[in-house]
Amino acid sequence: METRGAKHNELQKIIDACMEVNGYKPRYAKHHLEDSTYKIHQSRVCIVDNKIVSYLRISERQMHIGRSIVKVGGIGHVWTLEKYRHKGYSTAVLRDTNKYMLAEGYDLGLLFTAIQPFYARLDWASFKHTSF
């Protein structure tokens, strides 16, 4: 098992797998191919037997908090191929992502989820929000 940033030659495999896991939705290709802020290393992957089995994408943005502008990593497109689930691959990608975001100087990471306990065990904390 290897976790790392994706490589340019893996992009189409990532898009195809996003569509396989989540059903065909053209927006998955657009999120990668038409977002001018996207950088391939912001796609974090877990490789097993030369196959991408788990993935997530970091969308880098800036956010105003009071008078400060902070660097934010929005986590999205989190998936693991069905036959590879419950083997720790998504956990490995998230641990890699935490290290990557610290090394890259992100001030804050955000994600929206219905499975808070999964992320909480990896040091992600929930907070109540009043607007989106």
C-alpha atoms as a PDB file:
ATOM      1  CA  MET A   1       0.000   0.000   0.000  1.00  0.00           C
ATOM      2  CA  GLU A   2       1.217   3.465  -0.926  1.00  0.00           C
ATOM      3  CA  THR A   3      -0.402   6.838  -0.188  1.00  0.00           C
ATOM      4  CA  ARG A   4       0.661   9.970  -2.039  1.00  0.00           C
ATOM      5  CA  GLY A   5      -0.347  12.776  -4.329  1.00  0.00           C
ATOM      6  CA  ALA A   6      -1.701  11.671  -7.686  1.00  0.00           C
ATOM      7  CA  LYS A   7       0.311  11.908 -10.891  1.00  0.00           C
ATOM      8  CA  HIS A   8      -0.824  13.542 -14.139  1.00  0.00           C
ATOM      9  CA  ASN A   9      -1.065  10.199 -15.938  1.00  0.00           C
ATOM     10  CA  GLU A  10      -3.547   8.972 -13.300  1.00  0.00           C
ATOM     11  CA  LEU A  11      -6.138  11.727 -13.746  1.00  0.00           C
ATOM     12  CA  GLN A  12      -8.418   9.877 -16.172  1.00  0.00           C
ATOM     13  CA  LYS A  13      -8.362   6.772 -13.933  1.00  0.00           C
ATOM     14  CA  ILE A  14      -9.415   8.969 -11.005  1.00  0.00           C
ATOM     15  CA  ILE A  15     -12.272  10.549 -12.954  1.00  0.00           C
ATOM     16  CA  ASP A  16     -13.464   7.133 -14.194  1.00  0.00           C
ATOM     17  CA  ALA A  17     -13.398   5.714 -10.664  1.00  0.00           C
ATOM     18  CA  CYS A  18     -15.262   8.768  -9.257  1.00  0.00           C
ATOM     19  CA  MET A  19     -18.015   8.077 -11.760  1.00  0.00           C
ATOM     20  CA  GLU A  20     -17.989   4.327 -11.013  1.00  0.00           C
ATOM     21  CA  VAL A  21     -18.281   4.811  -7.257  1.00  0.00           C
ATOM     22  CA  ASN A  22     -20.811   7.649  -7.350  1.00  0.00           C
ATOM     23  CA  GLY A  23     -22.690   6.892 -10.553  1.00  0.00           C
ATOM     24  CA  TYR A  24     -22.102   8.721 -13.819  1.00  0.00           C
ATOM     25  CA  LYS A  25     -22.062  12.430 -13.139  1.00  0.00           C
ATOM     26  CA  PRO A  26     -20.241  14.669 -15.644  1.00  0.00           C
ATOM     27  CA  ARG A  27     -19.463  17.136 -12.861  1.00  0.00           C
ATOM     28  CA  TYR A  28     -16.724  14.796 -11.593  1.00  0.00           C
ATOM     29  CA  ALA A  29     -14.731  15.403 -14.760  1.00  0.00           C
ATOM     30  CA  LYS A  30     -15.458  19.149 -14.595  1.00  0.00           C
ATOM     31  CA  HIS A  31     -14.278  19.344 -10.980  1.00  0.00           C
ATOM     32  CA  HIS A  32     -10.895  18.095 -12.128  1.00  0.00           C
ATOM     33  CA  LEU A  33     -10.543  19.326 -15.700  1.00  0.00           C
ATOM     34  CA  GLU A  34     -12.227  22.734 -15.583  1.00  0.00           C
ATOM     35  CA  ASP A  35     -11.245  24.060 -12.153  1.00  0.00           C
ATOM     36  CA  SER A  36      -8.391  26.526 -12.714  1.00  0.00           C
ATOM     37  CA  THR A  37      -7.304  26.172  -9.070  1.00  0.00           C
ATOM     38  CA  TYR A  38      -6.877  22.380  -9.240  1.00  0.00           C
ATOM     39  CA  LYS A  39      -3.393  20.926  -8.808  1.00  0.00           C
ATOM     40  CA  ILE A  40      -2.836  17.197  -9.353  1.00  0.00           C
ATOM     41  CA  HIS A  41      -0.981  16.715  -6.047  1.00  0.00           C
ATOM     42  CA  GLN A  42      -4.151  17.879  -4.258  1.00  0.00           C
ATOM     43  CA  SER A  43      -5.651  14.565  -5.333  1.00  0.00           C
ATOM     44  CA  ARG A  44      -4.522  12.122  -2.646  1.00  0.00           C
ATOM     45  CA  VAL A  45      -4.553   8.431  -3.503  1.00  0.00           C
ATOM     46  CA  CYS A  46      -4.024   5.005  -1.987  1.00  0.00           C
ATOM     47  CA  ILE A  47      -2.428   2.512  -4.363  1.00  0.00           C
ATOM     48  CA  VAL A  48      -2.698  -1.261  -3.904  1.00  0.00           C
ATOM     49  CA  ASP A  49      -1.259  -3.643  -6.507  1.00  0.00           C
ATOM     50  CA  ASN A  50      -0.701  -0.705  -8.905  1.00  0.00           C
ATOM     51  CA  LYS A  51      -4.398   0.308  -8.681  1.00  0.00           C
ATOM     52  CA  ILE A  52      -5.954   3.439  -7.181  1.00  0.00           C
ATOM     53  CA  VAL A  53      -8.314   1.994  -4.587  1.00  0.00           C
ATOM     54  CA  SER A  54      -9.053   5.036  -2.424  1.00  0.00           C
ATOM     55  CA  TYR A  55      -9.074   8.756  -3.132  1.00  0.00           C
ATOM     56  CA  LEU A  56      -9.918  12.251  -2.009  1.00  0.00           C
ATOM     57  CA  ARG A  57      -9.461  15.715  -3.389  1.00  0.00           C
ATOM     58  CA  ILE A  58      -8.396  18.870  -1.606  1.00  0.00           C
ATOM     59  CA  SER A  59      -9.864  22.093  -2.973  1.00  0.00           C
ATOM     60  CA  GLU A  60      -7.678  24.974  -1.872  1.00  0.00           C
ATOM     61  CA  ARG A  61      -9.508  28.185  -1.050  1.00  0.00           C
ATOM     62  CA  GLN A  62      -9.102  31.341   1.001  1.00  0.00           C
ATOM     63  CA  MET A  63     -11.521  32.240   3.774  1.00  0.00           C
ATOM     64  CA  HIS A  64     -12.038  35.403   5.757  1.00  0.00           C
ATOM     65  CA  ILE A  65     -12.205  34.866   9.502  1.00  0.00           C
ATOM     66  CA  GLY A  66     -12.680  38.251  11.083  1.00  0.00           C
ATOM     67  CA  ARG A  67      -9.991  40.415   9.491  1.00  0.00           C
ATOM     68  CA  SER A  68      -7.730  37.493   8.663  1.00  0.00           C
ATOM     69  CA  ILE A  69      -7.499  35.549   5.436  1.00  0.00           C
ATOM     70  CA  VAL A  70      -6.697  31.879   5.987  1.00  0.00           C
ATOM     71  CA  LYS A  71      -5.692  29.051   3.650  1.00  0.00           C
ATOM     72  CA  VAL A  72      -8.402  26.383   3.682  1.00  0.00           C
ATOM     73  CA  GLY A  73      -8.409  22.853   2.305  1.00  0.00           C
ATOM     74  CA  GLY A  74     -11.898  21.637   1.443  1.00  0.00           C
ATOM     75  CA  ILE A  75     -12.044  17.842   1.424  1.00  0.00           C
ATOM     76  CA  GLY A  76     -14.287  16.229  -1.152  1.00  0.00           C
ATOM     77  CA  HIS A  77     -14.807  13.293  -3.489  1.00  0.00           C
ATOM     78  CA  VAL A  78     -13.781  10.857  -0.752  1.00  0.00           C
ATOM     79  CA  TRP A  79     -14.203   7.263  -1.939  1.00  0.00           C
ATOM     80  CA  THR A  80     -12.863   3.741  -1.797  1.00  0.00           C
ATOM     81  CA  LEU A  81     -13.663   1.160  -4.453  1.00  0.00           C
ATOM     82  CA  GLU A  82     -16.297  -1.225  -3.113  1.00  0.00           C
ATOM     83  CA  LYS A  83     -14.212  -4.400  -3.036  1.00  0.00           C
ATOM     84  CA  TYR A  84     -11.458  -2.558  -1.103  1.00  0.00           C
ATOM     85  CA  ARG A  85     -13.640  -1.075   1.644  1.00  0.00           C
ATOM     86  CA  HIS A  86     -13.192  -1.792   5.368  1.00  0.00           C
ATOM     87  CA  LYS A  87      -9.473  -2.482   4.941  1.00  0.00           C
ATOM     88  CA  GLY A  88      -8.090   0.853   6.153  1.00  0.00           C
ATOM     89  CA  TYR A  89      -7.366   2.429   2.765  1.00  0.00           C
ATOM     90  CA  SER A  90      -9.553   5.497   3.248  1.00  0.00           C
ATOM     91  CA  THR A  91      -8.032   5.960   6.698  1.00  0.00           C
ATOM     92  CA  ALA A  92      -4.570   5.821   5.108  1.00  0.00           C
ATOM     93  CA  VAL A  93      -5.512   8.487   2.530  1.00  0.00           C
ATOM     94  CA  LEU A  94      -6.895  10.746   5.260  1.00  0.00           C
ATOM     95  CA  ARG A  95      -3.745  10.359   7.372  1.00  0.00           C
ATOM     96  CA  ASP A  96      -1.666  11.215   4.304  1.00  0.00           C
ATOM     97  CA  THR A  97      -3.916  14.226   3.682  1.00  0.00           C
ATOM     98  CA  ASN A  98      -3.513  15.488   7.251  1.00  0.00           C
ATOM     99  CA  LYS A  99       0.305  15.369   6.887  1.00  0.00           C
ATOM    100  CA  TYR A 100       0.175  16.956   3.437  1.00  0.00           C
ATOM    101  CA  MET A 101      -2.027  19.826   4.615  1.00  0.00           C
ATOM    102  CA  LEU A 102       0.255  20.534   7.589  1.00  0.00           C
ATOM    103  CA  ALA A 103       3.340  20.500   5.351  1.00  0.00           C
ATOM    104  CA  GLU A 104       1.646  22.823   2.811  1.00  0.00           C
ATOM    105  CA  GLY A 105       0.672  25.379   5.465  1.00  0.00           C
ATOM    106  CA  TYR A 106      -3.098  25.031   5.430  1.00  0.00           C
ATOM    107  CA  ASP A 107      -4.682  26.884   8.328  1.00  0.00           C
ATOM    108  CA  LEU A 108      -7.941  24.956   8.272  1.00  0.00           C
ATOM    109  CA  GLY A 109      -9.470  21.865   6.726  1.00  0.00           C
ATOM    110  CA  LEU A 110     -13.203  21.555   6.083  1.00  0.00           C
ATOM    111  CA  LEU A 111     -15.485  18.741   5.037  1.00  0.00           C
ATOM    112  CA  PHE A 112     -19.174  18.034   5.182  1.00  0.00           C
ATOM    113  CA  THR A 113     -20.152  14.531   6.234  1.00  0.00           C
ATOM    114  CA  ALA A 114     -22.843  12.369   7.728  1.00  0.00           C
ATOM    115  CA  ILE A 115     -20.266   9.991   9.257  1.00  0.00           C
ATOM    116  CA  GLN A 116     -18.642  12.234  11.871  1.00  0.00           C
ATOM    117  CA  PRO A 117     -17.299   9.344  14.006  1.00  0.00           C
ATOM    118  CA  PHE A 118     -15.181   8.089  11.094  1.00  0.00           C
ATOM    119  CA  TYR A 119     -13.445  11.458  10.730  1.00  0.00           C
ATOM    120  CA  ALA A 120     -13.340  12.178  14.474  1.00  0.00           C
ATOM    121  CA  ARG A 121     -11.029   9.226  15.089  1.00  0.00           C
ATOM    122  CA  LEU A 122      -8.608  10.923  12.676  1.00  0.00           C
ATOM    123  CA  ASP A 123      -8.670  14.183  14.670  1.00  0.00           C
ATOM    124  CA  TRP A 124     -11.333  15.979  12.633  1.00  0.00           C
ATOM    125  CA  ALA A 125     -13.772  17.851  14.882  1.00  0.00           C
ATOM    126  CA  SER A 126     -17.423  18.737  14.305  1.00  0.00           C
ATOM    127  CA  PHE A 127     -18.845  22.186  14.757  1.00  0.00           C
ATOM    128  CA  LYS A 128     -22.321  23.618  14.418  1.00  0.00           C
ATOM    129  CA  HIS A 129     -22.849  26.078  11.629  1.00  0.00           C
ATOM    130  CA  THR A 130     -25.808  28.304  10.910  1.00  0.00           C
ATOM    131  CA  SER A 131     -25.299  28.871   7.196  1.00  0.00           C
ATOM    132  CA  PHE A 132     -23.606  27.348   4.209  1.00  0.00           C
END
